[in-house]
Amino acid sequence: LEETGVAVVFGAAFGLSPNFRVSYATSDTALKEACERI
């Protein structure tokens, strides 16, 4: 988040690490840009 501006939820919040959750309920354009940043 701090270095790329992409906000995801860390896996420990869901009880299993090391993972993160991405919600892809947003536009294709935003998803493509976010994945390129990741």
PDB file of all heavy atoms in Angstrom:
ATOM      1  N   LEU A   1       0.827  -1.206   0.000  1.00  0.00           N
ATOM      2  CA  LEU A   1       0.000   0.000   0.000  1.00  0.00           C
ATOM      3  C   LEU A   1       0.864   1.260   0.000  1.00  0.00           C
ATOM      4  O   LEU A   1       0.622   2.194  -0.776  1.00  0.00           O
ATOM      5  CB  LEU A   1      -0.933  -0.007   1.218  1.00  0.00           C
ATOM      6  CG  LEU A   1      -1.839   1.218   1.394  1.00  0.00           C
ATOM      7  CD1 LEU A   1      -2.730   1.419   0.169  1.00  0.00           C
ATOM      8  CD2 LEU A   1      -2.693   1.075   2.652  1.00  0.00           C
ATOM      9  N   GLU A   2       1.860   1.283   0.862  1.00  0.00           N
ATOM     10  CA  GLU A   2       2.694   2.481   0.988  1.00  0.00           C
ATOM     11  C   GLU A   2       3.560   2.726  -0.242  1.00  0.00           C
ATOM     12  O   GLU A   2       3.774   3.873  -0.641  1.00  0.00           O
ATOM     13  CB  GLU A   2       3.578   2.357   2.230  1.00  0.00           C
ATOM     14  CG  GLU A   2       2.800   2.418   3.544  1.00  0.00           C
ATOM     15  CD  GLU A   2       3.675   2.096   4.738  1.00  0.00           C
ATOM     16  OE1 GLU A   2       4.904   1.966   4.571  1.00  0.00           O
ATOM     17  OE2 GLU A   2       3.119   1.968   5.853  1.00  0.00           O
ATOM     18  N   GLU A   3       4.045   1.664  -0.870  1.00  0.00           N
ATOM     19  CA  GLU A   3       5.008   1.820  -1.966  1.00  0.00           C
ATOM     20  C   GLU A   3       4.373   1.798  -3.352  1.00  0.00           C
ATOM     21  O   GLU A   3       4.962   2.304  -4.307  1.00  0.00           O
ATOM     22  CB  GLU A   3       6.080   0.725  -1.865  1.00  0.00           C
ATOM     23  CG  GLU A   3       6.904   0.813  -0.586  1.00  0.00           C
ATOM     24  CD  GLU A   3       7.974  -0.266  -0.474  1.00  0.00           C
ATOM     25  OE1 GLU A   3       8.490  -0.716  -1.516  1.00  0.00           O
ATOM     26  OE2 GLU A   3       8.274  -0.676   0.676  1.00  0.00           O
ATOM     27  N   THR A   4       3.172   1.210  -3.474  1.00  0.00           N
ATOM     28  CA  THR A   4       2.554   1.123  -4.801  1.00  0.00           C
ATOM     29  C   THR A   4       1.141   1.695  -4.853  1.00  0.00           C
ATOM     30  O   THR A   4       0.601   1.887  -5.940  1.00  0.00           O
ATOM     31  CB  THR A   4       2.485  -0.341  -5.287  1.00  0.00           C
ATOM     32  OG1 THR A   4       1.437  -1.037  -4.591  1.00  0.00           O
ATOM     33  CG2 THR A   4       3.807  -1.059  -5.078  1.00  0.00           C
ATOM     34  N   GLY A   5       0.512   1.915  -3.686  1.00  0.00           N
ATOM     35  CA  GLY A   5      -0.851   2.412  -3.679  1.00  0.00           C
ATOM     36  C   GLY A   5      -1.910   1.356  -3.914  1.00  0.00           C
ATOM     37  O   GLY A   5      -3.056   1.681  -4.197  1.00  0.00           O
ATOM     38  N   VAL A   6      -1.559   0.075  -3.790  1.00  0.00           N
ATOM     39  CA  VAL A   6      -2.531  -1.017  -3.949  1.00  0.00           C
ATOM     40  C   VAL A   6      -2.928  -1.526  -2.565  1.00  0.00           C
ATOM     41  O   VAL A   6      -2.074  -1.941  -1.778  1.00  0.00           O
ATOM     42  CB  VAL A   6      -1.965  -2.172  -4.795  1.00  0.00           C
ATOM     43  CG1 VAL A   6      -2.954  -3.333  -4.844  1.00  0.00           C
ATOM     44  CG2 VAL A   6      -1.643  -1.691  -6.198  1.00  0.00           C
ATOM     45  N   ALA A   7      -4.221  -1.490  -2.279  1.00  0.00           N
ATOM     46  CA  ALA A   7      -4.731  -1.910  -0.978  1.00  0.00           C
ATOM     47  C   ALA A   7      -5.312  -3.313  -1.067  1.00  0.00           C
ATOM     48  O   ALA A   7      -6.264  -3.549  -1.819  1.00  0.00           O
ATOM     49  CB  ALA A   7      -5.794  -0.939  -0.480  1.00  0.00           C
ATOM     50  N   VAL A   8      -4.719  -4.242  -0.321  1.00  0.00           N
ATOM     51  CA  VAL A   8      -5.223  -5.612  -0.206  1.00  0.00           C
ATOM     52  C   VAL A   8      -5.353  -5.927   1.281  1.00  0.00           C
ATOM     53  O   VAL A   8      -4.902  -5.156   2.131  1.00  0.00           O
ATOM     54  CB  VAL A   8      -4.276  -6.633  -0.886  1.00  0.00           C
ATOM     55  CG1 VAL A   8      -4.125  -6.324  -2.375  1.00  0.00           C
ATOM     56  CG2 VAL A   8      -2.908  -6.660  -0.201  1.00  0.00           C
ATOM     57  N   VAL A   9      -5.962  -7.061   1.617  1.00  0.00           N
ATOM     58  CA  VAL A   9      -6.109  -7.460   3.018  1.00  0.00           C
ATOM     59  C   VAL A   9      -5.158  -8.614   3.305  1.00  0.00           C
ATOM     60  O   VAL A   9      -5.126  -9.603   2.571  1.00  0.00           O
ATOM     61  CB  VAL A   9      -7.552  -7.879   3.350  1.00  0.00           C
ATOM     62  CG1 VAL A   9      -7.705  -8.113   4.849  1.00  0.00           C
ATOM     63  CG2 VAL A   9      -8.543  -6.815   2.887  1.00  0.00           C
ATOM     64  N   PHE A  10      -4.370  -8.481   4.361  1.00  0.00           N
ATOM     65  CA  PHE A  10      -3.379  -9.504   4.706  1.00  0.00           C
ATOM     66  C   PHE A  10      -4.035 -10.778   5.229  1.00  0.00           C
ATOM     67  O   PHE A  10      -5.099 -10.757   5.856  1.00  0.00           O
ATOM     68  CB  PHE A  10      -2.377  -8.956   5.724  1.00  0.00           C
ATOM     69  CG  PHE A  10      -2.994  -8.470   7.014  1.00  0.00           C
ATOM     70  CD1 PHE A  10      -3.103  -9.315   8.111  1.00  0.00           C
ATOM     71  CD2 PHE A  10      -3.456  -7.166   7.125  1.00  0.00           C
ATOM     72  CE1 PHE A  10      -3.663  -8.869   9.306  1.00  0.00           C
ATOM     73  CE2 PHE A  10      -4.025  -6.710   8.312  1.00  0.00           C
ATOM     74  CZ  PHE A  10      -4.130  -7.565   9.405  1.00  0.00           C
ATOM     75  N   GLY A  11      -3.376 -11.898   4.968  1.00  0.00           N
ATOM     76  CA  GLY A  11      -3.961 -13.195   5.251  1.00  0.00           C
ATOM     77  C   GLY A  11      -4.206 -13.508   6.714  1.00  0.00           C
ATOM     78  O   GLY A  11      -5.146 -14.235   7.039  1.00  0.00           O
ATOM     79  N   ALA A  12      -3.374 -12.974   7.619  1.00  0.00           N
ATOM     80  CA  ALA A  12      -3.551 -13.269   9.043  1.00  0.00           C
ATOM     81  C   ALA A  12      -4.932 -12.851   9.529  1.00  0.00           C
ATOM     82  O   ALA A  12      -5.469 -13.434  10.473  1.00  0.00           O
ATOM     83  CB  ALA A  12      -2.465 -12.577   9.863  1.00  0.00           C
ATOM     84  N   ALA A  13      -5.533 -11.848   8.877  1.00  0.00           N
ATOM     85  CA  ALA A  13      -6.879 -11.414   9.251  1.00  0.00           C
ATOM     86  C   ALA A  13      -7.909 -12.518   9.031  1.00  0.00           C
ATOM     87  O   ALA A  13      -8.952 -12.546   9.677  1.00  0.00           O
ATOM     88  CB  ALA A  13      -7.273 -10.182   8.428  1.00  0.00           C
ATOM     89  N   PHE A  14      -7.599 -13.448   8.119  1.00  0.00           N
ATOM     90  CA  PHE A  14      -8.514 -14.534   7.780  1.00  0.00           C
ATOM     91  C   PHE A  14      -8.079 -15.868   8.392  1.00  0.00           C
ATOM     92  O   PHE A  14      -8.659 -16.905   8.092  1.00  0.00           O
ATOM     93  CB  PHE A  14      -8.608 -14.681   6.263  1.00  0.00           C
ATOM     94  CG  PHE A  14      -8.993 -13.409   5.546  1.00  0.00           C
ATOM     95  CD1 PHE A  14      -8.042 -12.642   4.905  1.00  0.00           C
ATOM     96  CD2 PHE A  14     -10.308 -12.981   5.527  1.00  0.00           C
ATOM     97  CE1 PHE A  14      -8.384 -11.472   4.243  1.00  0.00           C
ATOM     98  CE2 PHE A  14     -10.671 -11.811   4.871  1.00  0.00           C
ATOM     99  CZ  PHE A  14      -9.705 -11.050   4.229  1.00  0.00           C
ATOM    100  N   GLY A  15      -7.059 -15.819   9.234  1.00  0.00           N
ATOM    101  CA  GLY A  15      -6.662 -17.006   9.980  1.00  0.00           C
ATOM    102  C   GLY A  15      -5.701 -17.933   9.287  1.00  0.00           C
ATOM    103  O   GLY A  15      -5.419 -19.025   9.800  1.00  0.00           O
ATOM    104  N   LEU A  16      -5.145 -17.542   8.124  1.00  0.00           N
ATOM    105  CA  LEU A  16      -4.186 -18.411   7.433  1.00  0.00           C
ATOM    106  C   LEU A  16      -3.154 -17.561   6.702  1.00  0.00           C
ATOM    107  O   LEU A  16      -3.512 -16.734   5.863  1.00  0.00           O
ATOM    108  CB  LEU A  16      -4.886 -19.338   6.442  1.00  0.00           C
ATOM    109  CG  LEU A  16      -4.002 -20.447   5.866  1.00  0.00           C
ATOM    110  CD1 LEU A  16      -3.805 -21.559   6.896  1.00  0.00           C
ATOM    111  CD2 LEU A  16      -4.600 -21.038   4.593  1.00  0.00           C
ATOM    112  N   SER A  17      -1.901 -17.777   7.027  1.00  0.00           N
ATOM    113  CA  SER A  17      -0.789 -17.030   6.434  1.00  0.00           C
ATOM    114  C   SER A  17       0.221 -17.998   5.829  1.00  0.00           C
ATOM    115  O   SER A  17       0.220 -19.197   6.145  1.00  0.00           O
ATOM    116  CB  SER A  17      -0.101 -16.193   7.521  1.00  0.00           C
ATOM    117  OG  SER A  17      -0.977 -15.225   8.055  1.00  0.00           O
ATOM    118  N   PRO A  18       1.142 -17.476   4.953  1.00  0.00           N
ATOM    119  CA  PRO A  18       1.261 -16.100   4.478  1.00  0.00           C
ATOM    120  C   PRO A  18       0.524 -15.925   3.139  1.00  0.00           C
ATOM    121  O   PRO A  18       0.921 -16.497   2.134  1.00  0.00           O
ATOM    122  CB  PRO A  18       2.760 -15.927   4.300  1.00  0.00           C
ATOM    123  CG  PRO A  18       3.236 -17.301   3.878  1.00  0.00           C
ATOM    124  CD  PRO A  18       2.312 -18.301   4.533  1.00  0.00           C
ATOM    125  N   ASN A  19      -0.546 -15.165   3.163  1.00  0.00           N
ATOM    126  CA  ASN A  19      -1.378 -14.937   1.989  1.00  0.00           C
ATOM    127  C   ASN A  19      -1.890 -13.503   2.012  1.00  0.00           C
ATOM    128  O   ASN A  19      -1.680 -12.777   2.984  1.00  0.00           O
ATOM    129  CB  ASN A  19      -2.575 -15.890   1.971  1.00  0.00           C
ATOM    130  CG  ASN A  19      -2.192 -17.351   1.883  1.00  0.00           C
ATOM    131  OD1 ASN A  19      -1.718 -17.939   2.852  1.00  0.00           O
ATOM    132  ND2 ASN A  19      -2.406 -17.948   0.740  1.00  0.00           N
ATOM    133  N   PHE A  20      -2.598 -13.123   0.962  1.00  0.00           N
ATOM    134  CA  PHE A  20      -3.377 -11.894   1.000  1.00  0.00           C
ATOM    135  C   PHE A  20      -4.620 -12.082   0.146  1.00  0.00           C
ATOM    136  O   PHE A  20      -4.655 -12.949  -0.722  1.00  0.00           O
ATOM    137  CB  PHE A  20      -2.555 -10.670   0.552  1.00  0.00           C
ATOM    138  CG  PHE A  20      -2.104 -10.678  -0.886  1.00  0.00           C
ATOM    139  CD1 PHE A  20      -2.850 -10.036  -1.875  1.00  0.00           C
ATOM    140  CD2 PHE A  20      -0.905 -11.285  -1.264  1.00  0.00           C
ATOM    141  CE1 PHE A  20      -2.428 -10.021  -3.195  1.00  0.00           C
ATOM    142  CE2 PHE A  20      -0.475 -11.277  -2.579  1.00  0.00           C
ATOM    143  CZ  PHE A  20      -1.238 -10.644  -3.555  1.00  0.00           C
ATOM    144  N   ARG A  21      -5.641 -11.260   0.444  1.00  0.00           N
ATOM    145  CA  ARG A  21      -6.885 -11.371  -0.314  1.00  0.00           C
ATOM    146  C   ARG A  21      -7.032 -10.189  -1.259  1.00  0.00           C
ATOM    147  O   ARG A  21      -6.820  -9.039  -0.869  1.00  0.00           O
ATOM    148  CB  ARG A  21      -8.101 -11.398   0.615  1.00  0.00           C
ATOM    149  CG  ARG A  21      -9.408 -11.728  -0.109  1.00  0.00           C
ATOM    150  CD  ARG A  21     -10.639 -11.469   0.742  1.00  0.00           C
ATOM    151  NE  ARG A  21     -10.961 -10.048   0.830  1.00  0.00           N
ATOM    152  CZ  ARG A  21     -12.069  -9.555   1.387  1.00  0.00           C
ATOM    153  NH1 ARG A  21     -12.952 -10.376   1.934  1.00  0.00           N
ATOM    154  NH2 ARG A  21     -12.282  -8.258   1.424  1.00  0.00           N
ATOM    155  N   VAL A  22      -7.390 -10.513  -2.491  1.00  0.00           N
ATOM    156  CA  VAL A  22      -7.740  -9.509  -3.484  1.00  0.00           C
ATOM    157  C   VAL A  22      -9.212  -9.665  -3.816  1.00  0.00           C
ATOM    158  O   VAL A  22      -9.679 -10.773  -4.097  1.00  0.00           O
ATOM    159  CB  VAL A  22      -6.904  -9.685  -4.773  1.00  0.00           C
ATOM    160  CG1 VAL A  22      -7.526  -8.901  -5.928  1.00  0.00           C
ATOM    161  CG2 VAL A  22      -5.465  -9.236  -4.549  1.00  0.00           C
ATOM    162  N   SER A  23      -9.951  -8.568  -3.760  1.00  0.00           N
ATOM    163  CA  SER A  23     -11.317  -8.549  -4.290  1.00  0.00           C
ATOM    164  C   SER A  23     -11.241  -8.038  -5.718  1.00  0.00           C
ATOM    165  O   SER A  23     -10.762  -6.923  -5.958  1.00  0.00           O
ATOM    166  CB  SER A  23     -12.218  -7.638  -3.445  1.00  0.00           C
ATOM    167  OG  SER A  23     -13.445  -7.413  -4.117  1.00  0.00           O
ATOM    168  N   TYR A  24     -11.716  -8.855  -6.668  1.00  0.00           N
ATOM    169  CA  TYR A  24     -11.664  -8.420  -8.068  1.00  0.00           C
ATOM    170  C   TYR A  24     -13.022  -7.881  -8.533  1.00  0.00           C
ATOM    171  O   TYR A  24     -13.333  -7.865  -9.727  1.00  0.00           O
ATOM    172  CB  TYR A  24     -11.150  -9.529  -8.994  1.00  0.00           C
ATOM    173  CG  TYR A  24     -11.835 -10.868  -8.908  1.00  0.00           C
ATOM    174  CD1 TYR A  24     -12.998 -11.123  -9.616  1.00  0.00           C
ATOM    175  CD2 TYR A  24     -11.281 -11.901  -8.150  1.00  0.00           C
ATOM    176  CE1 TYR A  24     -13.608 -12.367  -9.568  1.00  0.00           C
ATOM    177  CE2 TYR A  24     -11.891 -13.148  -8.089  1.00  0.00           C
ATOM    178  CZ  TYR A  24     -13.052 -13.376  -8.799  1.00  0.00           C
ATOM    179  OH  TYR A  24     -13.649 -14.597  -8.750  1.00  0.00           O
ATOM    180  N   ALA A  25     -13.812  -7.382  -7.573  1.00  0.00           N
ATOM    181  CA  ALA A  25     -15.098  -6.779  -7.903  1.00  0.00           C
ATOM    182  C   ALA A  25     -14.908  -5.304  -8.250  1.00  0.00           C
ATOM    183  O   ALA A  25     -15.506  -4.414  -7.643  1.00  0.00           O
ATOM    184  CB  ALA A  25     -16.068  -6.932  -6.743  1.00  0.00           C
ATOM    185  N   THR A  26     -14.041  -5.057  -9.221  1.00  0.00           N
ATOM    186  CA  THR A  26     -13.808  -3.706  -9.711  1.00  0.00           C
ATOM    187  C   THR A  26     -13.465  -3.793 -11.192  1.00  0.00           C
ATOM    188  O   THR A  26     -13.440  -4.886 -11.759  1.00  0.00           O
ATOM    189  CB  THR A  26     -12.697  -3.014  -8.894  1.00  0.00           C
ATOM    190  OG1 THR A  26     -12.643  -1.632  -9.245  1.00  0.00           O
ATOM    191  CG2 THR A  26     -11.340  -3.660  -9.127  1.00  0.00           C
ATOM    192  N   SER A  27     -13.178  -2.666 -11.817  1.00  0.00           N
ATOM    193  CA  SER A  27     -13.033  -2.644 -13.271  1.00  0.00           C
ATOM    194  C   SER A  27     -11.794  -3.395 -13.755  1.00  0.00           C
ATOM    195  O   SER A  27     -10.789  -3.509 -13.043  1.00  0.00           O
ATOM    196  CB  SER A  27     -12.940  -1.196 -13.756  1.00  0.00           C
ATOM    197  OG  SER A  27     -11.703  -0.620 -13.395  1.00  0.00           O
ATOM    198  N   ASP A  28     -11.866  -3.897 -14.997  1.00  0.00           N
ATOM    199  CA  ASP A  28     -10.731  -4.580 -15.602  1.00  0.00           C
ATOM    200  C   ASP A  28      -9.501  -3.666 -15.631  1.00  0.00           C
ATOM    201  O   ASP A  28      -8.375  -4.106 -15.395  1.00  0.00           O
ATOM    202  CB  ASP A  28     -11.068  -5.015 -17.032  1.00  0.00           C
ATOM    203  CG  ASP A  28     -12.150  -6.080 -17.093  1.00  0.00           C
ATOM    204  OD1 ASP A  28     -13.158  -5.944 -16.367  1.00  0.00           O
ATOM    205  OD2 ASP A  28     -11.991  -7.047 -17.857  1.00  0.00           O
ATOM    206  N   THR A  29      -9.730  -2.387 -15.932  1.00  0.00           N
ATOM    207  CA  THR A  29      -8.623  -1.428 -16.019  1.00  0.00           C
ATOM    208  C   THR A  29      -7.907  -1.295 -14.687  1.00  0.00           C
ATOM    209  O   THR A  29      -6.669  -1.341 -14.621  1.00  0.00           O
ATOM    210  CB  THR A  29      -9.148  -0.050 -16.467  1.00  0.00           C
ATOM    211  OG1 THR A  29      -9.806  -0.187 -17.725  1.00  0.00           O
ATOM    212  CG2 THR A  29      -8.010   0.943 -16.594  1.00  0.00           C
ATOM    213  N   ALA A  30      -8.694  -1.155 -13.598  1.00  0.00           N
ATOM    214  CA  ALA A  30      -8.097  -1.027 -12.266  1.00  0.00           C
ATOM    215  C   ALA A  30      -7.377  -2.306 -11.865  1.00  0.00           C
ATOM    216  O   ALA A  30      -6.285  -2.268 -11.277  1.00  0.00           O
ATOM    217  CB  ALA A  30      -9.178  -0.681 -11.247  1.00  0.00           C
ATOM    218  N   LEU A  31      -7.967  -3.453 -12.189  1.00  0.00           N
ATOM    219  CA  LEU A  31      -7.343  -4.730 -11.840  1.00  0.00           C
ATOM    220  C   LEU A  31      -6.022  -4.924 -12.577  1.00  0.00           C
ATOM    221  O   LEU A  31      -5.026  -5.367 -11.989  1.00  0.00           O
ATOM    222  CB  LEU A  31      -8.293  -5.882 -12.156  1.00  0.00           C
ATOM    223  CG  LEU A  31      -9.544  -5.982 -11.273  1.00  0.00           C
ATOM    224  CD1 LEU A  31     -10.509  -7.025 -11.825  1.00  0.00           C
ATOM    225  CD2 LEU A  31      -9.171  -6.314  -9.834  1.00  0.00           C
ATOM    226  N   LYS A  32      -6.016  -4.589 -13.848  1.00  0.00           N
ATOM    227  CA  LYS A  32      -4.791  -4.750 -14.639  1.00  0.00           C
ATOM    228  C   LYS A  32      -3.679  -3.860 -14.091  1.00  0.00           C
ATOM    229  O   LYS A  32      -2.542  -4.310 -13.898  1.00  0.00           O
ATOM    230  CB  LYS A  32      -5.055  -4.413 -16.110  1.00  0.00           C
ATOM    231  CG  LYS A  32      -3.914  -4.728 -17.065  1.00  0.00           C
ATOM    232  CD  LYS A  32      -4.366  -4.577 -18.514  1.00  0.00           C
ATOM    233  CE  LYS A  32      -3.267  -4.982 -19.496  1.00  0.00           C
ATOM    234  NZ  LYS A  32      -2.091  -4.109 -19.425  1.00  0.00           N
ATOM    235  N   GLU A  33      -4.006  -2.607 -13.798  1.00  0.00           N
ATOM    236  CA  GLU A  33      -3.003  -1.679 -13.256  1.00  0.00           C
ATOM    237  C   GLU A  33      -2.519  -2.153 -11.883  1.00  0.00           C
ATOM    238  O   GLU A  33      -1.315  -2.127 -11.595  1.00  0.00           O
ATOM    239  CB  GLU A  33      -3.605  -0.280 -13.148  1.00  0.00           C
ATOM    240  CG  GLU A  33      -2.721   0.742 -12.433  1.00  0.00           C
ATOM    241  CD  GLU A  33      -1.397   1.010 -13.123  1.00  0.00           C
ATOM    242  OE1 GLU A  33      -1.304   0.806 -14.361  1.00  0.00           O
ATOM    243  OE2 GLU A  33      -0.435   1.407 -12.429  1.00  0.00           O
ATOM    244  N   ALA A  34      -3.450  -2.612 -11.033  1.00  0.00           N
ATOM    245  CA  ALA A  34      -3.075  -3.088  -9.701  1.00  0.00           C
ATOM    246  C   ALA A  34      -2.145  -4.288  -9.789  1.00  0.00           C
ATOM    247  O   ALA A  34      -1.141  -4.374  -9.071  1.00  0.00           O
ATOM    248  CB  ALA A  34      -4.325  -3.444  -8.900  1.00  0.00           C
ATOM    249  N   CYS A  35      -2.469  -5.233 -10.671  1.00  0.00           N
ATOM    250  CA  CYS A  35      -1.635  -6.430 -10.811  1.00  0.00           C
ATOM    251  C   CYS A  35      -0.258  -6.088 -11.366  1.00  0.00           C
ATOM    252  O   CYS A  35       0.749  -6.697 -10.968  1.00  0.00           O
ATOM    253  CB  CYS A  35      -2.338  -7.464 -11.690  1.00  0.00           C
ATOM    254  SG  CYS A  35      -3.757  -8.252 -10.903  1.00  0.00           S
ATOM    255  N   GLU A  36      -0.187  -5.118 -12.258  1.00  0.00           N
ATOM    256  CA  GLU A  36       1.123  -4.688 -12.773  1.00  0.00           C
ATOM    257  C   GLU A  36       1.963  -4.075 -11.656  1.00  0.00           C
ATOM    258  O   GLU A  36       3.175  -4.307 -11.567  1.00  0.00           O
ATOM    259  CB  GLU A  36       0.933  -3.687 -13.913  1.00  0.00           C
ATOM    260  CG  GLU A  36       0.441  -4.338 -15.208  1.00  0.00           C
ATOM    261  CD  GLU A  36       0.114  -3.325 -16.292  1.00  0.00           C
ATOM    262  OE1 GLU A  36       0.081  -2.098 -15.983  1.00  0.00           O
ATOM    263  OE2 GLU A  36      -0.133  -3.752 -17.449  1.00  0.00           O
ATOM    264  N   ARG A  37       1.319  -3.308 -10.772  1.00  0.00           N
ATOM    265  CA  ARG A  37       2.035  -2.732  -9.620  1.00  0.00           C
ATOM    266  C   ARG A  37       2.520  -3.829  -8.677  1.00  0.00           C
ATOM    267  O   ARG A  37       3.630  -3.761  -8.153  1.00  0.00           O
ATOM    268  CB  ARG A  37       1.127  -1.756  -8.873  1.00  0.00           C
ATOM    269  CG  ARG A  37       0.752  -0.510  -9.656  1.00  0.00           C
ATOM    270  CD  ARG A  37      -0.045   0.451  -8.780  1.00  0.00           C
ATOM    271  NE  ARG A  37      -0.648   1.519  -9.553  1.00  0.00           N
ATOM    272  CZ  ARG A  37      -1.347   2.534  -9.025  1.00  0.00           C
ATOM    273  NH1 ARG A  37      -1.522   2.587  -7.707  1.00  0.00           N
ATOM    274  NH2 ARG A  37      -1.869   3.474  -9.795  1.00  0.00           N
ATOM    275  N   ILE A  38       1.667  -4.837  -8.455  1.00  0.00           N
ATOM    276  CA  ILE A  38       2.071  -5.956  -7.594  1.00  0.00           C
ATOM    277  C   ILE A  38       3.249  -6.704  -8.215  1.00  0.00           C
ATOM    278  O   ILE A  38       4.196  -7.089  -7.519  1.00  0.00           O
ATOM    279  CB  ILE A  38       0.879  -6.907  -7.343  1.00  0.00           C
ATOM    280  CG1 ILE A  38      -0.197  -6.203  -6.513  1.00  0.00           C
ATOM    281  CG2 ILE A  38       1.342  -8.181  -6.630  1.00  0.00           C
ATOM    282  CD1 ILE A  38      -1.506  -6.970  -6.396  1.00  0.00           C
TER     283      ILE A  38
END
